[in-house]
Structures are given as structure tokens and as C-alpha cells.
Amino acid sequence: MNDSTSDVPTAAEADENLSAAPEQDASAQPIAPAPSPAVVEEDAASEDATDGPAQDNDAAEYSDAASTTDGTEGQPTDGAAAESAEESAENTPAETSEERMRRLEEEGDIAADYLEELLDIADLDGDIDIDVDGDRASVEIAGADRLATLNRPKGELLDALQELTRLAVQSRTGNRSRLMLDIGGFRAEHKGSLEELAEKAVAEAKEGDAAVPLRPMNPFERKVVHDVAKREGLRSESDGDGKNRHVVIYPAS
């Protein structure tokens, strides 16, 4: 199965390869109600959009990295994506750098308030650090040893909290959020090992003439792999459903 699927993509899958999938107009997306911090522990425990073999959520955002197809199985096309990007650009008002910075700082402040309330309810320690990283707000829960322990080794808790925090921001601003959350530097640490794995797969694809499938991954992990493949000049696609969704790297044609 390739990515020409009718399944509704997840919010996390927006991060998988933004350069290949144009952002949709936020006004076309329904505004989800703010998640209640009082139920976050239950939600975080049950959430399965996680590191490693992971199941995607039903919250709509973008499609996967190379999922745009022309309806013919296995034949991705850039034409539809380019046309959609042009149309979106025409209909979206230009945002100045100052407006963009204010918007991202507002997202960070809303996220920090939500997470601080959540930590108080759960009686967990932690400091909230807010930053702007490129075109997204970046928030880290630092000094939260107990939370960091609960999050390891696969990062299930981190992905669940990020999803809830994005929804909290969206309910306040009315716009879809691509905020990135981290707990004790987990993402940065995990990203390095993923890049090494992707580089080995890229080398294998360059040396041979067959596609190289990787293990099942969550949206964040797949994005890292897509980025490495693109940087090395190779094509990559996401394939499979739910816990079996993975990246396939193709040799140069």
C-alpha cells in the first residue's frame, strides 16, 4: 500500500516532510475543543501515536511526506502538490516576520500555561522553556526527572503531551499549531540515532538497485528519515497503516 489513501492523516504527520506537502488553509480545519488537563494522565497513557511502532491518531492536519499521488499506485507526482501550493499561496495573506514571531511567541505562552497547569495537577516538577525554532514554537519541559523517566524509552508520553498541547493552542488561537514539545532533551537525543539509521539505509539504497524499507516508525521518526533521504538526493515514501507505517527509501533512478 502506498500513500494514496483516504485515511485522515494525523497532526503529528505534518512534521513528516513539510517540504513535500503544502500546508493547508487553517480556516478549512475544524477547531478542536481544548483538552482538559484533569484527564491528561489518562489520555497520555492511552495515546498510541508514539515513538517506535506506533499508531496514528485521527486528528486531521497534513498528509505524509511523499503521499501525494495521481491515483496510480506507486506513482507519486509533484504536479498536484505544486498546483495546490500555488493556490494556497494566492489565498493566504502574507505574514510579516514580526507577525510571525508574535504568533509563535503567543503559541509558546499558551502552551506553557497549559503545561504548567497540567504539571500542578499531576504534582510533577518541571520548568517550562519557550523558544522559536524556525517556523514553529518550541517548548521544553526541563528538570522534570520523573516525567522524563515515564517518557522513556520510546517517548509515548512525549507524543501524547505534544498532541494535547497543540490542541490546547488551537482552541485558543483558532489556528492549527505545529508546536514542537520536548521533555529533557529526548527528541534531540533520539534524532541523532535516527539519522544514523537513515544514513545506513541511504547507503544501502545507493549501492544496490532495490528499495530499502525501514522498521515501523511514528510521524516524528519518519520525518527525520525523509529529511535524510532528501538531503542525500534519494526519494522516500511512507507505506503501511497504523503500527506498521514505515519509510521506504528508493535507489536513484
C-alpha atoms as a PDB file:
ATOM      1  CA  MET A   1       0.000   0.000   0.000  1.00  0.00           C
ATOM      2  CA  ASN A   2       1.341   3.416  -0.886  1.00  0.00           C
ATOM      3  CA  ASP A   3       0.303   6.805   0.471  1.00  0.00           C
ATOM      4  CA  SER A   4      -2.620   7.480  -1.889  1.00  0.00           C
ATOM      5  CA  THR A   5      -5.026   6.604   0.898  1.00  0.00           C
ATOM      6  CA  SER A   6      -8.258   8.114   2.073  1.00  0.00           C
ATOM      7  CA  ASP A   7      -7.300   7.765   5.741  1.00  0.00           C
ATOM      8  CA  VAL A   8      -7.395  11.056   7.626  1.00  0.00           C
ATOM      9  CA  PRO A   9      -3.750  11.979   8.467  1.00  0.00           C
ATOM     10  CA  THR A  10      -2.597  12.956  11.935  1.00  0.00           C
ATOM     11  CA  ALA A  11      -1.483  16.276  13.355  1.00  0.00           C
ATOM     12  CA  ALA A  12       1.928  14.790  14.018  1.00  0.00           C
ATOM     13  CA  GLU A  13       2.266  13.746  10.379  1.00  0.00           C
ATOM     14  CA  ALA A  14       2.521  17.414   9.434  1.00  0.00           C
ATOM     15  CA  ASP A  15       6.089  17.175  10.593  1.00  0.00           C
ATOM     16  CA  GLU A  16       6.982  14.204   8.472  1.00  0.00           C
ATOM     17  CA  ASN A  17       8.039  16.204   5.395  1.00  0.00           C
ATOM     18  CA  LEU A  18       6.688  19.730   5.107  1.00  0.00           C
ATOM     19  CA  SER A  19       8.762  20.495   2.018  1.00  0.00           C
ATOM     20  CA  ALA A  20       6.861  17.859   0.040  1.00  0.00           C
ATOM     21  CA  ALA A  21       3.351  18.579   1.325  1.00  0.00           C
ATOM     22  CA  PRO A  22       1.979  22.163   1.192  1.00  0.00           C
ATOM     23  CA  GLU A  23       0.268  23.465   4.315  1.00  0.00           C
ATOM     24  CA  GLN A  24      -3.499  23.601   4.080  1.00  0.00           C
ATOM     25  CA  ASP A  25      -5.526  26.670   4.932  1.00  0.00           C
ATOM     26  CA  ALA A  26      -6.134  26.653   8.691  1.00  0.00           C
ATOM     27  CA  SER A  27      -9.626  28.079   8.211  1.00  0.00           C
ATOM     28  CA  ALA A  28     -10.644  24.864   6.480  1.00  0.00           C
ATOM     29  CA  GLN A  29      -9.891  22.764   9.522  1.00  0.00           C
ATOM     30  CA  PRO A  30     -12.320  22.309  12.418  1.00  0.00           C
ATOM     31  CA  ILE A  31     -11.220  23.812  15.719  1.00  0.00           C
ATOM     32  CA  ALA A  32     -10.898  21.094  18.323  1.00  0.00           C
ATOM     33  CA  PRO A  33     -12.028  21.827  21.898  1.00  0.00           C
ATOM     34  CA  ALA A  34      -9.303  22.422  24.439  1.00  0.00           C
ATOM     35  CA  PRO A  35      -8.262  19.189  26.156  1.00  0.00           C
ATOM     36  CA  SER A  36      -8.841  19.180  29.890  1.00  0.00           C
ATOM     37  CA  PRO A  37      -5.633  18.992  31.932  1.00  0.00           C
ATOM     38  CA  ALA A  38      -7.551  16.974  34.512  1.00  0.00           C
ATOM     39  CA  VAL A  39      -7.667  13.975  32.188  1.00  0.00           C
ATOM     40  CA  VAL A  40      -4.202  14.298  30.711  1.00  0.00           C
ATOM     41  CA  GLU A  41      -2.739  11.382  32.637  1.00  0.00           C
ATOM     42  CA  GLU A  42      -5.365   9.014  31.284  1.00  0.00           C
ATOM     43  CA  ASP A  43      -5.027  10.442  27.763  1.00  0.00           C
ATOM     44  CA  ALA A  44      -1.239  10.323  27.852  1.00  0.00           C
ATOM     45  CA  ALA A  45      -1.246   6.728  28.993  1.00  0.00           C
ATOM     46  CA  SER A  46      -3.684   5.624  26.309  1.00  0.00           C
ATOM     47  CA  GLU A  47      -2.286   7.701  23.440  1.00  0.00           C
ATOM     48  CA  ASP A  48      -0.576   5.490  20.872  1.00  0.00           C
ATOM     49  CA  ALA A  49       0.932   7.998  18.418  1.00  0.00           C
ATOM     50  CA  THR A  50       4.372   7.221  19.820  1.00  0.00           C
ATOM     51  CA  ASP A  51       7.995   6.507  19.028  1.00  0.00           C
ATOM     52  CA  GLY A  52       8.815   3.086  17.658  1.00  0.00           C
ATOM     53  CA  PRO A  53       5.975   1.047  16.181  1.00  0.00           C
ATOM     54  CA  ALA A  54       3.142   3.486  16.563  1.00  0.00           C
ATOM     55  CA  GLN A  55      -0.498   4.018  15.698  1.00  0.00           C
ATOM     56  CA  ASP A  56      -1.549   7.287  14.078  1.00  0.00           C
ATOM     57  CA  ASN A  57      -4.280   9.486  15.589  1.00  0.00           C
ATOM     58  CA  ASP A  58      -7.422  10.694  13.849  1.00  0.00           C
ATOM     59  CA  ALA A  59      -6.763  14.447  14.287  1.00  0.00           C
ATOM     60  CA  ALA A  60      -6.562  15.954  10.796  1.00  0.00           C
ATOM     61  CA  GLU A  61      -3.621  18.014   9.616  1.00  0.00           C
ATOM     62  CA  TYR A  62      -1.345  17.209   6.679  1.00  0.00           C
ATOM     63  CA  SER A  63      -0.566  14.185   4.546  1.00  0.00           C
ATOM     64  CA  ASP A  64       2.706  12.226   4.735  1.00  0.00           C
ATOM     65  CA  ALA A  65       5.965  13.273   3.137  1.00  0.00           C
ATOM     66  CA  ALA A  66       5.521  11.684  -0.274  1.00  0.00           C
ATOM     67  CA  SER A  67       1.868  10.733  -0.118  1.00  0.00           C
ATOM     68  CA  THR A  68       0.619  12.966  -2.955  1.00  0.00           C
ATOM     69  CA  THR A  69      -0.214  10.702  -5.868  1.00  0.00           C
ATOM     70  CA  ASP A  70      -2.075  10.932  -9.130  1.00  0.00           C
ATOM     71  CA  GLY A  71      -4.282   7.957  -8.281  1.00  0.00           C
ATOM     72  CA  THR A  72      -1.936   5.424  -9.869  1.00  0.00           C
ATOM     73  CA  GLU A  73      -0.465   3.135  -7.250  1.00  0.00           C
ATOM     74  CA  GLY A  74       3.229   3.677  -6.622  1.00  0.00           C
ATOM     75  CA  GLN A  75       3.471   6.723  -8.899  1.00  0.00           C
ATOM     76  CA  PRO A  76       3.929   9.908  -6.836  1.00  0.00           C
ATOM     77  CA  THR A  77       3.524  13.192  -8.629  1.00  0.00           C
ATOM     78  CA  ASP A  78       4.734  16.663  -7.742  1.00  0.00           C
ATOM     79  CA  GLY A  79       2.340  18.441 -10.109  1.00  0.00           C
ATOM     80  CA  ALA A  80      -0.711  18.275  -7.860  1.00  0.00           C
ATOM     81  CA  ALA A  81       1.320  19.362  -4.856  1.00  0.00           C
ATOM     82  CA  ALA A  82       2.800  22.319  -6.738  1.00  0.00           C
ATOM     83  CA  GLU A  83      -0.609  23.397  -8.013  1.00  0.00           C
ATOM     84  CA  SER A  84      -2.086  23.142  -4.524  1.00  0.00           C
ATOM     85  CA  ALA A  85       0.826  25.139  -3.098  1.00  0.00           C
ATOM     86  CA  GLU A  86       0.320  27.925  -5.642  1.00  0.00           C
ATOM     87  CA  GLU A  87      -3.405  28.089  -4.925  1.00  0.00           C
ATOM     88  CA  SER A  88      -2.784  28.130  -1.174  1.00  0.00           C
ATOM     89  CA  ALA A  89      -0.209  30.904  -1.554  1.00  0.00           C
ATOM     90  CA  GLU A  90      -2.664  33.027  -3.531  1.00  0.00           C
ATOM     91  CA  ASN A  91      -5.405  32.637  -0.920  1.00  0.00           C
ATOM     92  CA  THR A  92      -3.204  33.130   2.167  1.00  0.00           C
ATOM     93  CA  PRO A  93      -2.368  36.700   3.223  1.00  0.00           C
ATOM     94  CA  ALA A  94       1.342  37.420   3.509  1.00  0.00           C
ATOM     95  CA  GLU A  95       2.651  37.354   7.070  1.00  0.00           C
ATOM     96  CA  THR A  96       5.460  39.696   8.056  1.00  0.00           C
ATOM     97  CA  SER A  97       8.361  38.402  10.121  1.00  0.00           C
ATOM     98  CA  GLU A  98       7.148  40.448  13.086  1.00  0.00           C
ATOM     99  CA  GLU A  99       3.632  38.996  12.843  1.00  0.00           C
ATOM    100  CA  ARG A 100       5.040  35.510  12.536  1.00  0.00           C
ATOM    101  CA  MET A 101       7.234  35.969  15.599  1.00  0.00           C
ATOM    102  CA  ARG A 102       4.325  37.325  17.649  1.00  0.00           C
ATOM    103  CA  ARG A 103       2.150  34.395  16.578  1.00  0.00           C
ATOM    104  CA  LEU A 104       4.758  31.802  17.534  1.00  0.00           C
ATOM    105  CA  GLU A 105       5.523  33.511  20.840  1.00  0.00           C
ATOM    106  CA  GLU A 106       1.796  33.521  21.615  1.00  0.00           C
ATOM    107  CA  GLU A 107       1.645  29.785  20.869  1.00  0.00           C
ATOM    108  CA  GLY A 108       4.567  29.206  23.228  1.00  0.00           C
ATOM    109  CA  ASP A 109       2.935  31.220  26.016  1.00  0.00           C
ATOM    110  CA  ILE A 110      -0.374  29.357  25.668  1.00  0.00           C
ATOM    111  CA  ALA A 111       1.433  26.014  25.659  1.00  0.00           C
ATOM    112  CA  ALA A 112       3.471  26.966  28.733  1.00  0.00           C
ATOM    113  CA  ASP A 113       0.334  27.946  30.677  1.00  0.00           C
ATOM    114  CA  TYR A 114      -1.355  24.679  29.742  1.00  0.00           C
ATOM    115  CA  LEU A 115       1.648  22.533  30.671  1.00  0.00           C
ATOM    116  CA  GLU A 116       2.229  24.340  33.968  1.00  0.00           C
ATOM    117  CA  GLU A 117      -1.374  23.686  34.957  1.00  0.00           C
ATOM    118  CA  LEU A 118      -1.001  20.072  33.911  1.00  0.00           C
ATOM    119  CA  LEU A 119       2.174  19.609  35.972  1.00  0.00           C
ATOM    120  CA  ASP A 120       0.468  21.149  39.012  1.00  0.00           C
ATOM    121  CA  ILE A 121      -2.484  18.788  38.701  1.00  0.00           C
ATOM    122  CA  ALA A 122      -0.201  15.769  38.324  1.00  0.00           C
ATOM    123  CA  ASP A 123       2.047  17.021  41.151  1.00  0.00           C
ATOM    124  CA  LEU A 124       5.132  16.820  38.927  1.00  0.00           C
ATOM    125  CA  ASP A 125       8.180  19.088  38.989  1.00  0.00           C
ATOM    126  CA  GLY A 126       9.448  20.788  35.845  1.00  0.00           C
ATOM    127  CA  ASP A 127      10.433  24.125  34.313  1.00  0.00           C
ATOM    128  CA  ILE A 128       8.974  25.319  31.014  1.00  0.00           C
ATOM    129  CA  ASP A 129      11.418  26.765  28.468  1.00  0.00           C
ATOM    130  CA  ILE A 130       9.908  28.610  25.484  1.00  0.00           C
ATOM    131  CA  ASP A 131      11.692  29.311  22.206  1.00  0.00           C
ATOM    132  CA  VAL A 132      11.050  29.798  18.493  1.00  0.00           C
ATOM    133  CA  ASP A 133      12.747  27.264  16.229  1.00  0.00           C
ATOM    134  CA  GLY A 134      12.482  28.220  12.571  1.00  0.00           C
ATOM    135  CA  ASP A 135       8.806  28.317  11.652  1.00  0.00           C
ATOM    136  CA  ARG A 136       7.405  26.794  14.828  1.00  0.00           C
ATOM    137  CA  ALA A 137       7.151  27.400  18.543  1.00  0.00           C
ATOM    138  CA  SER A 138       9.388  25.162  20.632  1.00  0.00           C
ATOM    139  CA  VAL A 139       8.620  24.266  24.247  1.00  0.00           C
ATOM    140  CA  GLU A 140      10.658  22.031  26.533  1.00  0.00           C
ATOM    141  CA  ILE A 141       9.832  20.656  29.961  1.00  0.00           C
ATOM    142  CA  ALA A 142      13.196  20.752  31.725  1.00  0.00           C
ATOM    143  CA  GLY A 143      14.215  19.499  35.143  1.00  0.00           C
ATOM    144  CA  ALA A 144      11.352  17.005  35.193  1.00  0.00           C
ATOM    145  CA  ASP A 145      13.168  13.830  36.183  1.00  0.00           C
ATOM    146  CA  ARG A 146      10.067  11.827  36.993  1.00  0.00           C
ATOM    147  CA  LEU A 147       8.336  12.886  33.780  1.00  0.00           C
ATOM    148  CA  ALA A 148      11.468  12.085  31.756  1.00  0.00           C
ATOM    149  CA  THR A 149      11.591   8.610  33.313  1.00  0.00           C
ATOM    150  CA  LEU A 150       7.942   7.993  32.446  1.00  0.00           C
ATOM    151  CA  ASN A 151       8.635   9.094  28.875  1.00  0.00           C
ATOM    152  CA  ARG A 152      11.469   6.649  28.221  1.00  0.00           C
ATOM    153  CA  PRO A 153      12.447   4.561  26.396  1.00  0.00           C
ATOM    154  CA  LYS A 154      10.092   5.128  23.452  1.00  0.00           C
ATOM    155  CA  GLY A 155       8.677   8.614  24.014  1.00  0.00           C
ATOM    156  CA  GLU A 156       4.997   7.648  24.197  1.00  0.00           C
ATOM    157  CA  LEU A 157       4.255  10.249  26.850  1.00  0.00           C
ATOM    158  CA  LEU A 158       6.011  12.996  24.903  1.00  0.00           C
ATOM    159  CA  ASP A 159       3.972  12.431  21.748  1.00  0.00           C
ATOM    160  CA  ALA A 160       0.728  12.319  23.715  1.00  0.00           C
ATOM    161  CA  LEU A 161       1.506  15.548  25.572  1.00  0.00           C
ATOM    162  CA  GLN A 162       2.524  17.271  22.357  1.00  0.00           C
ATOM    163  CA  GLU A 163      -0.775  16.338  20.724  1.00  0.00           C
ATOM    164  CA  LEU A 164      -2.770  17.610  23.708  1.00  0.00           C
ATOM    165  CA  THR A 165      -0.733  20.822  23.867  1.00  0.00           C
ATOM    166  CA  ARG A 166      -1.244  21.519  20.168  1.00  0.00           C
ATOM    167  CA  LEU A 167      -4.980  21.101  20.618  1.00  0.00           C
ATOM    168  CA  ALA A 168      -4.927  23.472  23.602  1.00  0.00           C
ATOM    169  CA  VAL A 169      -3.135  26.093  21.485  1.00  0.00           C
ATOM    170  CA  GLN A 170      -5.507  25.582  18.554  1.00  0.00           C
ATOM    171  CA  SER A 171      -8.564  26.025  20.787  1.00  0.00           C
ATOM    172  CA  ARG A 172      -7.239  29.418  21.920  1.00  0.00           C
ATOM    173  CA  THR A 173      -5.929  30.781  18.619  1.00  0.00           C
ATOM    174  CA  GLY A 174      -8.298  29.129  16.151  1.00  0.00           C
ATOM    175  CA  ASN A 175      -5.322  28.076  14.044  1.00  0.00           C
ATOM    176  CA  ARG A 176      -3.632  24.716  13.632  1.00  0.00           C
ATOM    177  CA  SER A 177      -0.396  24.537  15.617  1.00  0.00           C
ATOM    178  CA  ARG A 178       2.879  22.875  14.656  1.00  0.00           C
ATOM    179  CA  LEU A 179       4.404  23.462  18.059  1.00  0.00           C
ATOM    180  CA  MET A 180       7.221  21.077  18.976  1.00  0.00           C
ATOM    181  CA  LEU A 181       7.403  19.750  22.532  1.00  0.00           C
ATOM    182  CA  ASP A 182      10.363  18.087  24.214  1.00  0.00           C
ATOM    183  CA  ILE A 183      10.977  16.559  27.630  1.00  0.00           C
ATOM    184  CA  GLY A 184      14.517  16.751  28.963  1.00  0.00           C
ATOM    185  CA  GLY A 185      16.140  16.817  25.503  1.00  0.00           C
ATOM    186  CA  PHE A 186      14.628  13.485  24.448  1.00  0.00           C
ATOM    187  CA  ARG A 187      13.931  14.485  20.837  1.00  0.00           C
ATOM    188  CA  ALA A 188      17.417  15.844  20.188  1.00  0.00           C
ATOM    189  CA  GLU A 189      18.987  12.694  21.614  1.00  0.00           C
ATOM    190  CA  HIS A 190      16.665  10.379  19.682  1.00  0.00           C
ATOM    191  CA  LYS A 191      17.064  12.320  16.429  1.00  0.00           C
ATOM    192  CA  GLY A 192      20.794  11.577  16.287  1.00  0.00           C
ATOM    193  CA  SER A 193      20.302   7.813  16.396  1.00  0.00           C
ATOM    194  CA  LEU A 194      17.529   8.032  13.783  1.00  0.00           C
ATOM    195  CA  GLU A 195      19.767   9.980  11.404  1.00  0.00           C
ATOM    196  CA  GLU A 196      22.452   7.300  11.722  1.00  0.00           C
ATOM    197  CA  LEU A 197      19.895   4.607  10.905  1.00  0.00           C
ATOM    198  CA  ALA A 198      18.626   6.590   7.912  1.00  0.00           C
ATOM    199  CA  GLU A 199      22.142   7.206   6.598  1.00  0.00           C
ATOM    200  CA  LYS A 200      22.851   3.455   6.632  1.00  0.00           C
ATOM    201  CA  ALA A 201      19.629   2.803   4.702  1.00  0.00           C
ATOM    202  CA  VAL A 202      20.526   5.537   2.195  1.00  0.00           C
ATOM    203  CA  ALA A 203      23.970   3.997   1.656  1.00  0.00           C
ATOM    204  CA  GLU A 204      22.365   0.591   1.094  1.00  0.00           C
ATOM    205  CA  ALA A 205      19.927   2.064  -1.434  1.00  0.00           C
ATOM    206  CA  LYS A 206      22.743   3.814  -3.312  1.00  0.00           C
ATOM    207  CA  GLU A 207      24.832   0.657  -3.507  1.00  0.00           C
ATOM    208  CA  GLY A 208      22.001  -1.605  -4.648  1.00  0.00           C
ATOM    209  CA  ASP A 209      19.068  -1.435  -7.032  1.00  0.00           C
ATOM    210  CA  ALA A 210      16.260  -2.329  -4.643  1.00  0.00           C
ATOM    211  CA  ALA A 211      14.137  -0.228  -2.306  1.00  0.00           C
ATOM    212  CA  VAL A 212      15.148  -0.293   1.362  1.00  0.00           C
ATOM    213  CA  PRO A 213      12.286  -0.479   3.907  1.00  0.00           C
ATOM    214  CA  LEU A 214      12.910   0.622   7.490  1.00  0.00           C
ATOM    215  CA  ARG A 215      11.251  -0.502  10.710  1.00  0.00           C
ATOM    216  CA  PRO A 216       7.822   0.912  11.647  1.00  0.00           C
ATOM    217  CA  MET A 217       8.101   4.460  12.980  1.00  0.00           C
ATOM    218  CA  ASN A 218       5.941   7.271  14.296  1.00  0.00           C
ATOM    219  CA  PRO A 219       5.492  10.555  12.344  1.00  0.00           C
ATOM    220  CA  PHE A 220       8.398  12.336  14.047  1.00  0.00           C
ATOM    221  CA  GLU A 221      10.767   9.451  13.281  1.00  0.00           C
ATOM    222  CA  ARG A 222       9.575   9.175   9.690  1.00  0.00           C
ATOM    223  CA  LYS A 223      10.146  12.879   9.135  1.00  0.00           C
ATOM    224  CA  VAL A 224      13.753  12.549  10.270  1.00  0.00           C
ATOM    225  CA  VAL A 225      14.287   9.702   7.786  1.00  0.00           C
ATOM    226  CA  HIS A 226      12.596  11.616   4.948  1.00  0.00           C
ATOM    227  CA  ASP A 227      14.838  14.616   5.645  1.00  0.00           C
ATOM    228  CA  VAL A 228      17.993  12.493   5.471  1.00  0.00           C
ATOM    229  CA  ALA A 229      16.885  10.799   2.247  1.00  0.00           C
ATOM    230  CA  LYS A 230      16.050  14.142   0.642  1.00  0.00           C
ATOM    231  CA  ARG A 231      19.379  15.610   1.742  1.00  0.00           C
ATOM    232  CA  GLU A 232      21.150  12.687   0.054  1.00  0.00           C
ATOM    233  CA  GLY A 233      19.167  13.099  -3.160  1.00  0.00           C
ATOM    234  CA  LEU A 234      17.024   9.968  -2.849  1.00  0.00           C
ATOM    235  CA  ARG A 235      13.253   9.509  -2.921  1.00  0.00           C
ATOM    236  CA  SER A 236      11.440   8.194   0.140  1.00  0.00           C
ATOM    237  CA  GLU A 237       7.805   7.320   0.804  1.00  0.00           C
ATOM    238  CA  SER A 238       5.740   6.250   3.805  1.00  0.00           C
ATOM    239  CA  ASP A 239       3.933   2.936   3.467  1.00  0.00           C
ATOM    240  CA  GLY A 240       1.665   0.815   5.643  1.00  0.00           C
ATOM    241  CA  ASP A 241      -1.002   1.619   8.201  1.00  0.00           C
ATOM    242  CA  GLY A 242      -1.096   2.196  11.956  1.00  0.00           C
ATOM    243  CA  LYS A 243       1.661   0.419  13.836  1.00  0.00           C
ATOM    244  CA  ASN A 244       3.126  -0.914  10.588  1.00  0.00           C
ATOM    245  CA  ARG A 245       3.632   2.501   8.956  1.00  0.00           C
ATOM    246  CA  HIS A 246       7.237   2.849   7.856  1.00  0.00           C
ATOM    247  CA  VAL A 247       9.529   4.625   5.403  1.00  0.00           C
ATOM    248  CA  VAL A 248      10.844   3.085   2.201  1.00  0.00           C
ATOM    249  CA  ILE A 249      13.950   4.611   0.603  1.00  0.00           C
ATOM    250  CA  TYR A 250      14.340   4.130  -3.150  1.00  0.00           C
ATOM    251  CA  PRO A 251      17.608   3.979  -5.134  1.00  0.00           C
ATOM    252  CA  ALA A 252      18.351   6.739  -7.610  1.00  0.00           C
ATOM    253  CA  SER A 253      16.601   6.148 -10.918  1.00  0.00           C
END
